[in-house]
Amino acid sequence: MIIPPYLVSGDTIALAAPARKISRKEILPAEMWLKQAGFNVFYDERLFAEDHQFAGDDTMRTRYFQDLLDDDDINAIWCVRGGYGSARIIDKLDFSHFLQRPKWICGYSDITVFHSHIQQNLQIATLHATMPVNVMMDDFQSPALQTFLGALAGKNLSYELDISPLSSPKSFSGILTGGNLSMLYSLVGSPSDICTDDKVLFIEDLDEYLYHIDRMILNLQRSGKLSSVKALLVGHMSDMHDNTIPFGKTAEEIVADHCKGADFPLIFHVPAGHMPDNRALRMGCLTEGYIQDNKFIINNLNHA
């Protein structure tokens, strides 16, 4: 894996909208926070383009993101929000210059398309982290933002978790991959599909029916993506829905049921995903876990 250069004060972070549209007002807290943290912020008017729910049409979003990839004065690209749209432009982007001069691509949810595609095709690390749309003016010290800064600065990230009764907590070590479960499911069979062999797989999701969670985990299982993982880490499974006739299990219970009897460690309560406590995880970096004092420790290291 290639690790992009870590950032220092005075570096430039560009804001990009590869999916859903955003307003100037919605990015102001994040812009203020970045400047207070010592970074330059770059974006132009194309960031606020609109095409129905998208931040401009596919051509507009592709050209803007391409310009950011090719600009050597930009040290990281922070995607402003998810929604839907990244998969519509990923194959239109030319990553040849980015491969020679990699930079951190940051975000989560729909941005899983970038995490998966870049790791699988270019072997470059990316940053699963909160996004500008989530930044609140009165919460600049949140763990989500502070771990985002730490990740960009090259600090090792360490998270202490309560051990869920559904977990099978055992030590593990491997390169981290994954992201939003729905997006990973949508990428199966495409050029952006991830290889999970000997990897630590992380998943999270939002606003899904429980039977959809069952179907997607079953797909991971049947397609062999769980057959040789080093570990399965489960983040926030937020705002799940059920049918009139209940499915009968929570999202976490569904995951645990499909992993029953597996050799790999299964770890719940990872503080990442669609909740305010969305801490940073470097995809493509070495990640290890172990039990210590009745807690489970996950270390996301600054190297592969």
Protein backbone atom coordinates (compact mmCIF):
# COMPACT_ATOMS: atom_id res chain seq x y z
CA MET A 1 0.00 0.00 0.00
CA ILE A 2 1.06 3.58 -0.75
CA ILE A 3 0.50 6.04 2.10
CA PRO A 4 -0.09 9.65 0.92
CA PRO A 5 2.03 12.34 2.62
CA TYR A 6 0.67 13.41 5.98
CA LEU A 7 -0.34 17.04 6.40
CA VAL A 8 1.20 19.91 8.34
CA SER A 9 -0.03 23.38 9.20
CA GLY A 10 -0.30 25.55 6.10
CA ASP A 11 -1.22 22.68 3.77
CA THR A 12 -4.31 22.99 1.59
CA ILE A 13 -7.45 20.90 1.91
CA ALA A 14 -9.90 21.09 -1.00
CA LEU A 15 -13.64 20.55 -0.62
CA ALA A 16 -15.38 18.38 -3.21
CA ALA A 17 -18.96 17.28 -3.83
CA PRO A 18 -18.91 14.08 -5.92
CA ALA A 19 -22.45 13.13 -4.93
CA ARG A 20 -25.32 15.16 -3.44
CA LYS A 21 -25.46 18.94 -3.67
CA ILE A 22 -24.56 21.27 -0.84
CA SER A 23 -25.03 24.95 -0.03
CA ARG A 24 -22.44 27.52 0.97
CA LYS A 25 -24.10 27.85 4.37
CA GLU A 26 -23.68 24.13 5.05
CA ILE A 27 -19.89 24.20 4.64
CA LEU A 28 -19.19 27.38 6.63
CA PRO A 29 -18.61 25.67 10.01
CA ALA A 30 -16.17 23.18 8.44
CA GLU A 31 -14.35 25.93 6.58
CA MET A 32 -13.98 27.94 9.78
CA TRP A 33 -12.77 24.87 11.69
CA LEU A 34 -10.17 23.97 9.05
CA LYS A 35 -8.77 27.49 9.08
CA GLN A 36 -8.60 27.49 12.89
CA ALA A 37 -6.71 24.20 12.63
CA GLY A 38 -4.09 25.91 10.44
CA PHE A 39 -5.08 24.72 6.97
CA ASN A 40 -5.77 26.59 3.78
CA VAL A 41 -9.15 25.76 2.25
CA PHE A 42 -9.79 25.56 -1.47
CA TYR A 43 -13.03 25.32 -3.45
CA ASP A 44 -14.62 27.23 -6.29
CA GLU A 45 -18.18 27.94 -7.37
CA ARG A 46 -18.52 24.52 -8.96
CA LEU A 47 -18.83 23.11 -5.44
CA PHE A 48 -22.33 24.61 -5.23
CA ALA A 49 -23.61 23.48 -8.63
CA GLU A 50 -27.03 21.83 -8.72
CA ASP A 51 -28.59 19.21 -10.95
CA HIS A 52 -31.68 17.98 -9.13
CA GLN A 53 -30.24 16.13 -6.10
CA PHE A 54 -26.68 16.10 -7.47
CA ALA A 55 -23.92 18.71 -7.05
CA GLY A 56 -24.03 19.43 -10.77
CA ASP A 57 -24.33 16.92 -13.58
CA ASP A 58 -21.90 14.03 -13.97
CA THR A 59 -19.63 16.00 -16.32
CA MET A 60 -19.42 18.95 -13.91
CA ARG A 61 -18.67 16.78 -10.89
CA THR A 62 -16.08 14.75 -12.81
CA ARG A 63 -14.21 17.81 -14.10
CA TYR A 64 -14.12 19.47 -10.70
CA PHE A 65 -12.87 16.35 -8.92
CA GLN A 66 -10.33 15.75 -11.70
CA ASP A 67 -8.96 19.25 -11.26
CA LEU A 68 -8.48 18.59 -7.55
CA LEU A 69 -6.75 15.26 -8.21
CA ASP A 70 -4.33 16.93 -10.64
CA ASP A 71 -3.54 20.04 -8.57
CA ASP A 72 -0.20 19.56 -6.78
CA ASP A 73 -0.93 22.49 -4.46
CA ILE A 74 -3.76 20.50 -2.86
CA ASN A 75 -2.73 18.08 -0.12
CA ALA A 76 -6.07 16.42 0.66
CA ILE A 77 -9.59 16.27 -0.78
CA TRP A 78 -12.39 16.32 1.78
CA CYS A 79 -15.74 15.26 0.33
CA VAL A 80 -18.44 17.50 1.74
CA ARG A 81 -21.27 14.95 1.96
CA GLY A 82 -22.47 11.57 0.74
CA GLY A 83 -25.93 10.79 -0.55
CA TYR A 84 -25.59 9.22 -3.98
CA GLY A 85 -23.52 9.94 -7.04
CA SER A 86 -19.87 8.88 -6.63
CA ALA A 87 -20.37 5.65 -8.58
CA ARG A 88 -21.63 7.69 -11.55
CA ILE A 89 -18.28 9.45 -11.96
CA ILE A 90 -15.62 7.05 -10.64
CA ASP A 91 -14.94 5.44 -14.04
CA LYS A 92 -14.69 8.85 -15.73
CA LEU A 93 -11.79 9.97 -13.54
CA ASP A 94 -8.15 9.69 -14.60
CA PHE A 95 -6.06 8.68 -11.58
CA SER A 96 -2.70 8.59 -13.41
CA HIS A 97 -1.38 11.85 -11.91
CA PHE A 98 -2.88 11.00 -8.52
CA LEU A 99 -0.95 7.71 -8.60
CA GLN A 100 2.29 9.65 -9.04
CA ARG A 101 1.38 12.33 -6.47
CA PRO A 102 -1.14 10.75 -4.08
CA LYS A 103 -3.13 12.79 -1.58
CA TRP A 104 -5.68 11.88 1.08
CA ILE A 105 -9.26 11.35 -0.15
CA CYS A 106 -11.55 11.77 2.86
CA GLY A 107 -15.19 11.00 3.64
CA TYR A 108 -17.58 8.15 4.33
CA SER A 109 -20.97 6.77 3.26
CA ASP A 110 -21.21 7.20 -0.55
CA ILE A 111 -17.49 8.03 -0.54
CA THR A 112 -16.93 4.31 0.09
CA VAL A 113 -16.85 4.15 -3.73
CA PHE A 114 -13.56 6.07 -3.66
CA HIS A 115 -12.13 4.08 -0.73
CA SER A 116 -12.86 0.79 -2.46
CA HIS A 117 -11.85 1.81 -5.99
CA ILE A 118 -8.60 3.51 -4.99
CA GLN A 119 -7.49 0.73 -2.66
CA GLN A 120 -8.33 -2.03 -5.12
CA ASN A 121 -6.94 -0.44 -8.28
CA LEU A 122 -4.18 1.88 -7.06
CA GLN A 123 -3.19 0.45 -3.65
CA ILE A 124 -3.30 3.93 -2.09
CA ALA A 125 -4.59 4.55 1.44
CA THR A 126 -7.66 6.77 1.97
CA LEU A 127 -9.39 8.25 5.01
CA HIS A 128 -12.84 7.12 6.23
CA ALA A 129 -13.95 10.11 8.29
CA THR A 130 -16.65 12.63 9.07
CA MET A 131 -17.52 15.24 6.42
CA PRO A 132 -18.13 19.01 6.35
CA VAL A 133 -21.92 18.61 6.32
CA ASN A 134 -21.59 17.01 9.76
CA VAL A 135 -19.50 19.81 11.33
CA MET A 136 -21.39 21.86 13.90
CA MET A 137 -20.29 25.34 14.93
CA ASP A 138 -20.49 24.50 18.66
CA ASP A 139 -18.67 21.14 18.47
CA PHE A 140 -15.18 21.78 17.08
CA GLN A 141 -13.63 19.51 19.74
CA SER A 142 -15.65 16.41 18.87
CA PRO A 143 -13.84 13.04 18.69
CA ALA A 144 -14.86 12.83 15.02
CA LEU A 145 -13.00 16.05 14.16
CA GLN A 146 -10.06 15.50 16.47
CA THR A 147 -9.39 12.01 15.10
CA PHE A 148 -9.75 13.41 11.57
CA LEU A 149 -6.96 15.86 12.37
CA GLY A 150 -4.89 13.13 14.01
CA ALA A 151 -5.29 10.84 11.02
CA LEU A 152 -4.20 13.54 8.56
CA ALA A 153 -1.21 14.38 10.78
CA GLY A 154 -0.03 10.76 10.78
CA LYS A 155 -0.86 9.91 14.38
CA ASN A 156 -1.64 6.34 15.29
CA LEU A 157 -5.34 6.09 16.20
CA SER A 158 -6.42 3.98 19.17
CA TYR A 159 -10.02 3.21 20.16
CA GLU A 160 -11.20 1.43 23.30
CA LEU A 161 -14.47 -0.50 22.89
CA ASP A 162 -16.88 -2.21 25.22
CA ILE A 163 -17.05 -5.89 24.32
CA SER A 164 -20.49 -6.78 22.94
CA PRO A 165 -22.03 -10.13 23.93
CA LEU A 166 -22.36 -10.73 20.17
CA SER A 167 -18.64 -10.24 19.56
CA SER A 168 -16.05 -12.98 19.23
CA PRO A 169 -13.12 -10.87 20.44
CA LYS A 170 -9.74 -12.28 19.44
CA SER A 171 -6.50 -10.60 18.47
CA PHE A 172 -6.00 -9.68 14.83
CA SER A 173 -3.73 -7.67 12.54
CA GLY A 174 -4.18 -6.70 8.90
CA ILE A 175 -4.78 -3.98 6.33
CA LEU A 176 -8.11 -2.21 6.81
CA THR A 177 -10.68 -2.10 4.02
CA GLY A 178 -14.44 -1.56 3.66
CA GLY A 179 -16.89 1.22 4.48
CA ASN A 180 -20.61 1.54 3.96
CA LEU A 181 -22.20 -1.89 3.58
CA SER A 182 -24.80 -0.80 1.01
CA MET A 183 -22.11 0.75 -1.16
CA LEU A 184 -19.84 -2.30 -0.90
CA TYR A 185 -22.81 -4.44 -1.93
CA SER A 186 -23.49 -2.19 -4.94
CA LEU A 187 -19.86 -2.47 -6.09
CA VAL A 188 -19.70 -6.27 -6.19
CA GLY A 189 -18.58 -7.43 -9.64
CA SER A 190 -17.50 -3.93 -10.72
CA PRO A 191 -13.94 -2.60 -11.19
CA SER A 192 -14.32 -0.99 -7.75
CA ASP A 193 -15.11 -4.26 -5.95
CA ILE A 194 -12.78 -4.86 -3.01
CA CYS A 195 -10.65 -7.90 -2.34
CA THR A 196 -11.01 -8.88 1.32
CA ASP A 197 -8.43 -11.70 1.39
CA ASP A 198 -6.28 -11.33 4.51
CA LYS A 199 -7.82 -7.90 5.17
CA VAL A 200 -9.60 -6.45 8.18
CA LEU A 201 -13.09 -5.65 6.87
CA PHE A 202 -15.06 -2.72 8.35
CA ILE A 203 -18.78 -2.19 7.68
CA GLU A 204 -21.43 0.32 8.78
CA ASP A 205 -24.82 1.38 7.45
CA LEU A 206 -27.80 3.71 7.80
CA ASP A 207 -31.51 3.77 7.03
CA GLU A 208 -31.84 0.20 5.73
CA TYR A 209 -34.50 -2.43 6.21
CA LEU A 210 -33.33 -5.30 8.35
CA TYR A 211 -33.98 -7.82 5.61
CA HIS A 212 -31.71 -5.71 3.35
CA ILE A 213 -28.94 -6.07 5.94
CA ASP A 214 -29.51 -9.83 5.92
CA ARG A 215 -29.36 -9.93 2.11
CA MET A 216 -26.15 -7.89 1.96
CA ILE A 217 -24.32 -9.87 4.64
CA LEU A 218 -25.44 -13.07 2.94
CA ASN A 219 -23.98 -11.71 -0.31
CA LEU A 220 -20.64 -11.04 1.37
CA GLN A 221 -20.70 -14.57 2.73
CA ARG A 222 -21.76 -16.30 -0.51
CA SER A 223 -19.33 -14.31 -2.66
CA GLY A 224 -16.42 -15.42 -0.50
CA LYS A 225 -15.66 -12.02 0.97
CA LEU A 226 -15.85 -13.38 4.52
CA SER A 227 -13.96 -16.59 3.84
CA SER A 228 -10.46 -15.28 4.47
CA VAL A 229 -10.78 -11.98 6.36
CA LYS A 230 -8.50 -11.28 9.30
CA ALA A 231 -11.43 -9.75 11.20
CA LEU A 232 -14.86 -8.18 10.69
CA LEU A 233 -15.38 -4.82 12.41
CA VAL A 234 -18.94 -3.48 12.67
CA GLY A 235 -19.54 0.22 13.17
CA HIS A 236 -22.79 2.10 13.67
CA MET A 237 -25.89 0.40 12.26
CA SER A 238 -28.14 3.44 12.52
CA ASP A 239 -31.88 4.09 12.03
CA MET A 240 -32.77 0.61 10.81
CA HIS A 241 -36.30 -0.18 9.60
CA ASP A 242 -38.49 -3.22 9.97
CA ASN A 243 -41.52 -4.53 8.12
CA THR A 244 -45.05 -4.95 9.49
CA ILE A 245 -44.14 -8.57 10.12
CA PRO A 246 -40.89 -8.17 12.10
CA PHE A 247 -37.67 -9.67 10.80
CA GLY A 248 -36.92 -10.89 14.32
CA LYS A 249 -33.32 -9.74 14.73
CA THR A 250 -31.44 -6.48 15.08
CA ALA A 251 -28.85 -5.54 12.46
CA GLU A 252 -26.07 -6.59 14.83
CA GLU A 253 -27.78 -9.93 15.51
CA ILE A 254 -28.11 -10.53 11.75
CA VAL A 255 -24.37 -10.00 11.27
CA ALA A 256 -23.54 -12.22 14.25
CA ASP A 257 -25.88 -14.95 13.02
CA HIS A 258 -24.18 -15.13 9.61
CA CYS A 259 -20.74 -15.17 11.26
CA LYS A 260 -21.59 -17.90 13.77
CA GLY A 261 -18.82 -20.46 13.90
CA ALA A 262 -16.42 -18.35 11.81
CA ASP A 263 -12.72 -18.43 12.62
CA PHE A 264 -12.21 -14.68 12.32
CA PRO A 265 -12.75 -12.18 15.16
CA LEU A 266 -16.09 -10.32 15.02
CA ILE A 267 -16.02 -6.94 16.76
CA PHE A 268 -19.02 -4.64 17.33
CA HIS A 269 -19.32 -1.04 18.63
CA VAL A 270 -16.57 0.40 16.41
CA PRO A 271 -17.17 4.19 16.73
CA ALA A 272 -17.44 4.96 13.03
CA GLY A 273 -20.34 5.47 10.62
CA HIS A 274 -23.57 7.44 10.51
CA MET A 275 -23.54 8.89 14.02
CA PRO A 276 -21.97 12.03 15.53
CA ASP A 277 -19.26 9.80 17.04
CA ASN A 278 -17.74 9.00 13.65
CA ARG A 279 -14.05 8.59 14.31
CA ALA A 280 -11.44 8.42 11.61
CA LEU A 281 -10.11 5.18 10.13
CA ARG A 282 -7.31 5.05 7.55
CA MET A 283 -8.30 2.54 4.90
CA GLY A 284 -5.25 0.71 3.58
CA CYS A 285 -3.26 1.06 6.81
CA LEU A 286 -2.30 -1.69 9.22
CA THR A 287 -4.96 -2.16 11.89
CA GLU A 288 -4.70 -4.40 14.93
CA GLY A 289 -6.95 -5.42 17.78
CA TYR A 290 -6.59 -7.11 21.16
CA ILE A 291 -8.26 -7.44 24.58
CA GLN A 292 -6.91 -5.35 27.44
CA ASP A 293 -8.51 -4.91 30.88
CA ASN A 294 -11.91 -6.24 29.71
CA LYS A 295 -11.94 -3.77 26.82
CA PHE A 296 -11.19 -4.33 23.16
CA ILE A 297 -8.50 -2.06 21.74
CA ILE A 298 -8.33 -1.20 18.05
CA ASN A 299 -5.20 0.54 16.77
CA ASN A 300 -5.31 2.05 13.28
CA LEU A 301 -1.63 2.64 12.54
CA ASN A 302 0.00 5.21 10.28
CA HIS A 303 1.63 2.69 7.94
CA ALA A 304 0.79 -0.39 5.91
